[in-house]
Structures are given as C-alpha cells and as structure tokens.
PDB file of N, CA and C in Angstrom:
ATOM      1  N   MET A   1      32.926 173.994 -28.454  1.00  0.00           N
ATOM      2  CA  MET A   1      33.061 172.563 -28.615  1.00  0.00           C
ATOM      3  C   MET A   1      32.172 172.054 -29.766  1.00  0.00           C
ATOM      4  N   LYS A   2      30.965 172.643 -29.864  1.00  0.00           N
ATOM      5  CA  LYS A   2      30.055 172.236 -30.936  1.00  0.00           C
ATOM      6  C   LYS A   2      30.655 172.538 -32.307  1.00  0.00           C
ATOM      7  N   ASN A   3      31.293 173.691 -32.418  1.00  0.00           N
ATOM      8  CA  ASN A   3      31.887 174.073 -33.696  1.00  0.00           C
ATOM      9  C   ASN A   3      32.993 173.110 -34.098  1.00  0.00           C
ATOM     10  N   ALA A   4      33.778 172.664 -33.154  1.00  0.00           N
ATOM     11  CA  ALA A   4      34.864 171.736 -33.446  1.00  0.00           C
ATOM     12  C   ALA A   4      34.314 170.401 -33.946  1.00  0.00           C
ATOM     13  N   ILE A   5      33.239 169.937 -33.336  1.00  0.00           N
ATOM     14  CA  ILE A   5      32.622 168.672 -33.757  1.00  0.00           C
ATOM     15  C   ILE A   5      32.054 168.808 -35.169  1.00  0.00           C
ATOM     16  N   ILE A   6      31.428 169.930 -35.445  1.00  0.00           N
ATOM     17  CA  ILE A   6      30.865 170.157 -36.779  1.00  0.00           C
ATOM     18  C   ILE A   6      31.974 170.211 -37.826  1.00  0.00           C
ATOM     19  N   VAL A   7      33.065 170.884 -37.519  1.00  0.00           N
ATOM     20  CA  VAL A   7      34.192 170.980 -38.451  1.00  0.00           C
ATOM     21  C   VAL A   7      34.790 169.601 -38.703  1.00  0.00           C
ATOM     22  N   VAL A   8      34.955 168.806 -37.668  1.00  0.00           N
ATOM     23  CA  VAL A   8      35.509 167.460 -37.819  1.00  0.00           C
ATOM     24  C   VAL A   8      34.578 166.597 -38.673  1.00  0.00           C
ATOM     25  N   LEU A   9      33.289 166.678 -38.453  1.00  0.00           N
ATOM     26  CA  LEU A   9      32.341 165.902 -39.255  1.00  0.00           C
ATOM     27  C   LEU A   9      32.357 166.328 -40.723  1.00  0.00           C
ATOM     28  N   LEU A  10      32.456 167.615 -40.978  1.00  0.00           N
ATOM     29  CA  LEU A  10      32.544 168.097 -42.352  1.00  0.00           C
ATOM     30  C   LEU A  10      33.827 167.624 -43.035  1.00  0.00           C
ATOM     31  N   ILE A  11      34.926 167.659 -42.316  1.00  0.00           N
ATOM     32  CA  ILE A  11      36.197 167.182 -42.873  1.00  0.00           C
ATOM     33  C   ILE A  11      36.119 165.695 -43.181  1.00  0.00           C
ATOM     34  N   LEU A  12      35.514 164.931 -42.294  1.00  0.00           N
ATOM     35  CA  LEU A  12      35.355 163.493 -42.533  1.00  0.00           C
ATOM     36  C   LEU A  12      34.460 163.218 -43.736  1.00  0.00           C
ATOM     37  N   ALA A  13      33.395 163.980 -43.884  1.00  0.00           N
ATOM     38  CA  ALA A  13      32.484 163.785 -45.017  1.00  0.00           C
ATOM     39  C   ALA A  13      33.168 164.107 -46.339  1.00  0.00           C
ATOM     40  N   VAL A  14      33.882 165.225 -46.396  1.00  0.00           N
ATOM     41  CA  VAL A  14      34.582 165.608 -47.624  1.00  0.00           C
ATOM     42  C   VAL A  14      35.715 164.628 -47.915  1.00  0.00           C
ATOM     43  N   GLY A  15      36.421 164.215 -46.890  1.00  0.00           N
ATOM     44  CA  GLY A  15      37.493 163.238 -47.064  1.00  0.00           C
ATOM     45  C   GLY A  15      36.971 161.900 -47.553  1.00  0.00           C
ATOM     46  N   GLY A  16      35.833 161.476 -47.021  1.00  0.00           N
ATOM     47  CA  GLY A  16      35.222 160.233 -47.474  1.00  0.00           C
ATOM     48  C   GLY A  16      34.779 160.299 -48.920  1.00  0.00           C
ATOM     49  N   ALA A  17      34.228 161.426 -49.314  1.00  0.00           N
ATOM     50  CA  ALA A  17      33.806 161.600 -50.710  1.00  0.00           C
ATOM     51  C   ALA A  17      35.015 161.578 -51.642  1.00  0.00           C
ATOM     52  N   CYS A  18      36.088 162.236 -51.253  1.00  0.00           N
ATOM     53  CA  CYS A  18      37.309 162.233 -52.070  1.00  0.00           C
ATOM     54  C   CYS A  18      37.903 160.831 -52.163  1.00  0.00           C
ATOM     55  N   ALA A  19      37.900 160.099 -51.070  1.00  0.00           N
ATOM     56  CA  ALA A  19      38.419 158.728 -51.084  1.00  0.00           C
ATOM     57  C   ALA A  19      37.577 157.843 -51.991  1.00  0.00           C
ATOM     58  N   TYR A  20      36.262 158.010 -51.971  1.00  0.00           N
ATOM     59  CA  TYR A  20      35.369 157.234 -52.837  1.00  0.00           C
ATOM     60  C   TYR A  20      35.659 157.511 -54.310  1.00  0.00           C
ATOM     61  N   ILE A  21      35.825 158.775 -54.640  1.00  0.00           N
ATOM     62  CA  ILE A  21      36.107 159.155 -56.025  1.00  0.00           C
ATOM     63  C   ILE A  21      37.453 158.592 -56.468  1.00  0.00           C
ATOM     64  N   CYS A  22      38.462 158.687 -55.610  1.00  0.00           N
ATOM     65  CA  CYS A  22      39.781 158.156 -55.960  1.00  0.00           C
ATOM     66  C   CYS A  22      39.737 156.651 -56.166  1.00  0.00           C
ATOM     67  N   ARG A  23      39.022 155.925 -55.302  1.00  0.00           N
ATOM     68  CA  ARG A  23      38.912 154.465 -55.465  1.00  0.00           C
ATOM     69  C   ARG A  23      38.214 154.099 -56.756  1.00  0.00           C
ATOM     70  N   LYS A  24      37.139 154.810 -57.095  1.00  0.00           N
ATOM     71  CA  LYS A  24      36.402 154.533 -58.328  1.00  0.00           C
ATOM     72  C   LYS A  24      37.261 154.822 -59.550  1.00  0.00           C
ATOM     73  N   LYS A  25      38.020 155.914 -59.526  1.00  0.00           N
ATOM     74  CA  LYS A  25      38.882 156.268 -60.652  1.00  0.00           C
ATOM     75  C   LYS A  25      39.984 155.223 -60.834  1.00  0.00           C
ATOM     76  N   LYS A  26      40.564 154.745 -59.737  1.00  0.00           N
ATOM     77  CA  LYS A  26      41.602 153.722 -59.829  1.00  0.00           C
ATOM     78  C   LYS A  26      41.042 152.401 -60.334  1.00  0.00           C
ATOM     79  N   ALA A  27      39.759 152.152 -60.077  1.00  0.00           N
ATOM     80  CA  ALA A  27      39.120 150.923 -60.531  1.00  0.00           C
ATOM     81  C   ALA A  27      38.742 150.992 -62.003  1.00  0.00           C
ATOM     82  N   GLY A  28      38.896 152.158 -62.620  1.00  0.00           N
ATOM     83  CA  GLY A  28      38.653 152.292 -64.041  1.00  0.00           C
ATOM     84  C   GLY A  28      37.343 152.948 -64.412  1.00  0.00           C
ATOM     85  N   ALA A  29      36.655 153.512 -63.469  1.00  0.00           N
ATOM     86  CA  ALA A  29      35.393 154.189 -63.769  1.00  0.00           C
ATOM     87  C   ALA A  29      35.680 155.510 -64.478  1.00  0.00           C
ATOM     88  N   LYS A  30      35.042 155.707 -65.621  1.00  0.00           N
ATOM     89  CA  LYS A  30      35.248 156.943 -66.365  1.00  0.00           C
ATOM     90  C   LYS A  30      34.276 158.022 -65.919  1.00  0.00           C
ATOM     91  N   CYS A  31      33.087 157.611 -65.549  1.00  0.00           N
ATOM     92  CA  CYS A  31      32.039 158.550 -65.199  1.00  0.00           C
ATOM     93  C   CYS A  31      31.378 158.047 -63.912  1.00  0.00           C
ATOM     94  N   ILE A  32      31.787 158.580 -62.804  1.00  0.00           N
ATOM     95  CA  ILE A  32      31.299 158.104 -61.511  1.00  0.00           C
ATOM     96  C   ILE A  32      29.835 158.488 -61.343  1.00  0.00           C
ATOM     97  N   GLY A  33      29.026 157.539 -60.963  1.00  0.00           N
ATOM     98  CA  GLY A  33      27.607 157.765 -60.768  1.00  0.00           C
ATOM     99  C   GLY A  33      26.774 157.350 -61.956  1.00  0.00           C
ATOM    100  N   CYS A  34      27.405 157.150 -63.083  1.00  0.00           N
ATOM    101  CA  CYS A  34      26.702 156.715 -64.283  1.00  0.00           C
ATOM    102  C   CYS A  34      26.506 155.198 -64.207  1.00  0.00           C
ATOM    103  N   PRO A  35      25.346 154.682 -64.603  1.00  0.00           N
ATOM    104  CA  PRO A  35      25.148 153.232 -64.529  1.00  0.00           C
ATOM    105  C   PRO A  35      26.044 152.462 -65.491  1.00  0.00           C
ATOM    106  N   TYR A  36      26.630 153.130 -66.468  1.00  0.00           N
ATOM    107  CA  TYR A  36      27.509 152.483 -67.441  1.00  0.00           C
ATOM    108  C   TYR A  36      28.962 152.881 -67.225  1.00  0.00           C
ATOM    109  N   GLU A  37      29.351 153.131 -65.980  1.00  0.00           N
ATOM    110  CA  GLU A  37      30.666 153.691 -65.697  1.00  0.00           C
ATOM    111  C   GLU A  37      31.825 152.793 -66.108  1.00  0.00           C
ATOM    112  N   LYS A  38      31.644 151.476 -66.097  1.00  0.00           N
ATOM    113  CA  LYS A  38      32.750 150.585 -66.445  1.00  0.00           C
ATOM    114  C   LYS A  38      32.691 150.126 -67.894  1.00  0.00           C
ATOM    115  N   THR A  39      31.608 150.396 -68.571  1.00  0.00           N
ATOM    116  CA  THR A  39      31.490 149.999 -69.970  1.00  0.00           C
ATOM    117  C   THR A  39      31.554 151.250 -70.834  1.00  0.00           C
ATOM    118  N   SER A  40      30.930 151.224 -71.952  1.00  0.00           N
ATOM    119  CA  SER A  40      30.981 152.373 -72.851  1.00  0.00           C
ATOM    120  C   SER A  40      30.003 153.448 -72.388  1.00  0.00           C
ATOM    121  N   CYS A  41      30.504 154.396 -71.663  1.00  0.00           N
ATOM    122  CA  CYS A  41      29.703 155.501 -71.136  1.00  0.00           C
ATOM    123  C   CYS A  41      29.575 156.574 -72.207  1.00  0.00           C
ATOM    124  N   CYS A  42      28.377 157.073 -72.417  1.00  0.00           N
ATOM    125  CA  CYS A  42      28.164 158.101 -73.439  1.00  0.00           C
ATOM    126  C   CYS A  42      27.913 159.473 -72.815  1.00  0.00           C
ATOM    127  N   CYS A  43      28.224 159.660 -71.576  1.00  0.00           N
ATOM    128  CA  CYS A  43      27.956 160.933 -70.907  1.00  0.00           C
ATOM    129  C   CYS A  43      28.776 162.079 -71.476  1.00  0.00           C
ATOM    130  N   HIS A  44      29.994 161.798 -71.870  1.00  0.00           N
ATOM    131  CA  HIS A  44      30.892 162.863 -72.296  1.00  0.00           C
ATOM    132  C   HIS A  44      31.247 162.770 -73.775  1.00  0.00           C
ATOM    133  N   MET A  45      30.434 162.081 -74.534  1.00  0.00           N
ATOM    134  CA  MET A  45      30.704 161.985 -75.965  1.00  0.00           C
ATOM    135  C   MET A  45      30.348 163.302 -76.644  1.00  0.00           C
ATOM    136  N   GLU A  46      31.067 163.635 -77.674  1.00  0.00           N
ATOM    137  CA  GLU A  46      30.819 164.884 -78.381  1.00  0.00           C
ATOM    138  C   GLU A  46      29.651 164.786 -79.356  1.00  0.00           C
ATOM    139  N   ASP A  47      29.237 163.588 -79.673  1.00  0.00           N
ATOM    140  CA  ASP A  47      28.132 163.388 -80.598  1.00  0.00           C
ATOM    141  C   ASP A  47      26.829 163.653 -79.853  1.00  0.00           C
ATOM    142  N   ASP A  48      26.171 164.747 -80.170  1.00  0.00           N
ATOM    143  CA  ASP A  48      24.951 165.151 -79.467  1.00  0.00           C
ATOM    144  C   ASP A  48      23.778 164.254 -79.766  1.00  0.00           C
ATOM    145  N   GLU A  49      23.800 163.518 -80.848  1.00  0.00           N
ATOM    146  CA  GLU A  49      22.645 162.692 -81.197  1.00  0.00           C
ATOM    147  C   GLU A  49      22.424 161.581 -80.188  1.00  0.00           C
ATOM    148  N   ILE A  50      23.467 161.114 -79.550  1.00  0.00           N
ATOM    149  CA  ILE A  50      23.326 160.063 -78.539  1.00  0.00           C
ATOM    150  C   ILE A  50      22.610 160.615 -77.321  1.00  0.00           C
ATOM    151  N   ASN A  51      22.905 161.851 -76.942  1.00  0.00           N
ATOM    152  CA  ASN A  51      22.367 162.443 -75.730  1.00  0.00           C
ATOM    153  C   ASN A  51      20.992 163.086 -75.902  1.00  0.00           C
ATOM    154  N   ARG A  52      20.503 163.192 -77.114  1.00  0.00           N
ATOM    155  CA  ARG A  52      19.189 163.820 -77.339  1.00  0.00           C
ATOM    156  C   ARG A  52      18.069 162.901 -76.890  1.00  0.00           C
ATOM    157  N   THR A  53      17.051 163.501 -76.342  1.00  0.00           N
ATOM    158  CA  THR A  53      15.893 162.700 -75.908  1.00  0.00           C
ATOM    159  C   THR A  53      14.659 163.086 -76.676  1.00  0.00           C
TER     160      THR A  53
END
C-alpha cells in the first residue's frame, strides 16, 4: 500500500511540473525560471559576450 501511495505522489508531482511548463510556454515564456522570461531573455543567445561575467 505504501508503494502505491508513493507512486501516485510521484506521478502527481511530475504531472504538476509538466502542466506548469505547458502553461508557461502557452503564455509566451521563452525561458522558464529566468527573471526575464517574458521580455528579451539572453539565456540562449549565441553571443557569448552577453553571458560572460
């Protein structure tokens, strides 16, 4: 019984994460988790000079 509860909780957690990602993508977020996700996000730009610290 414990194993079944653990499996159900894991499925719910993964399903919730997938639903969150799908909602964010439909809302126009290019880079989920980035503070600039709805504006000009530079996370995936090919110009390395922007990403250098």
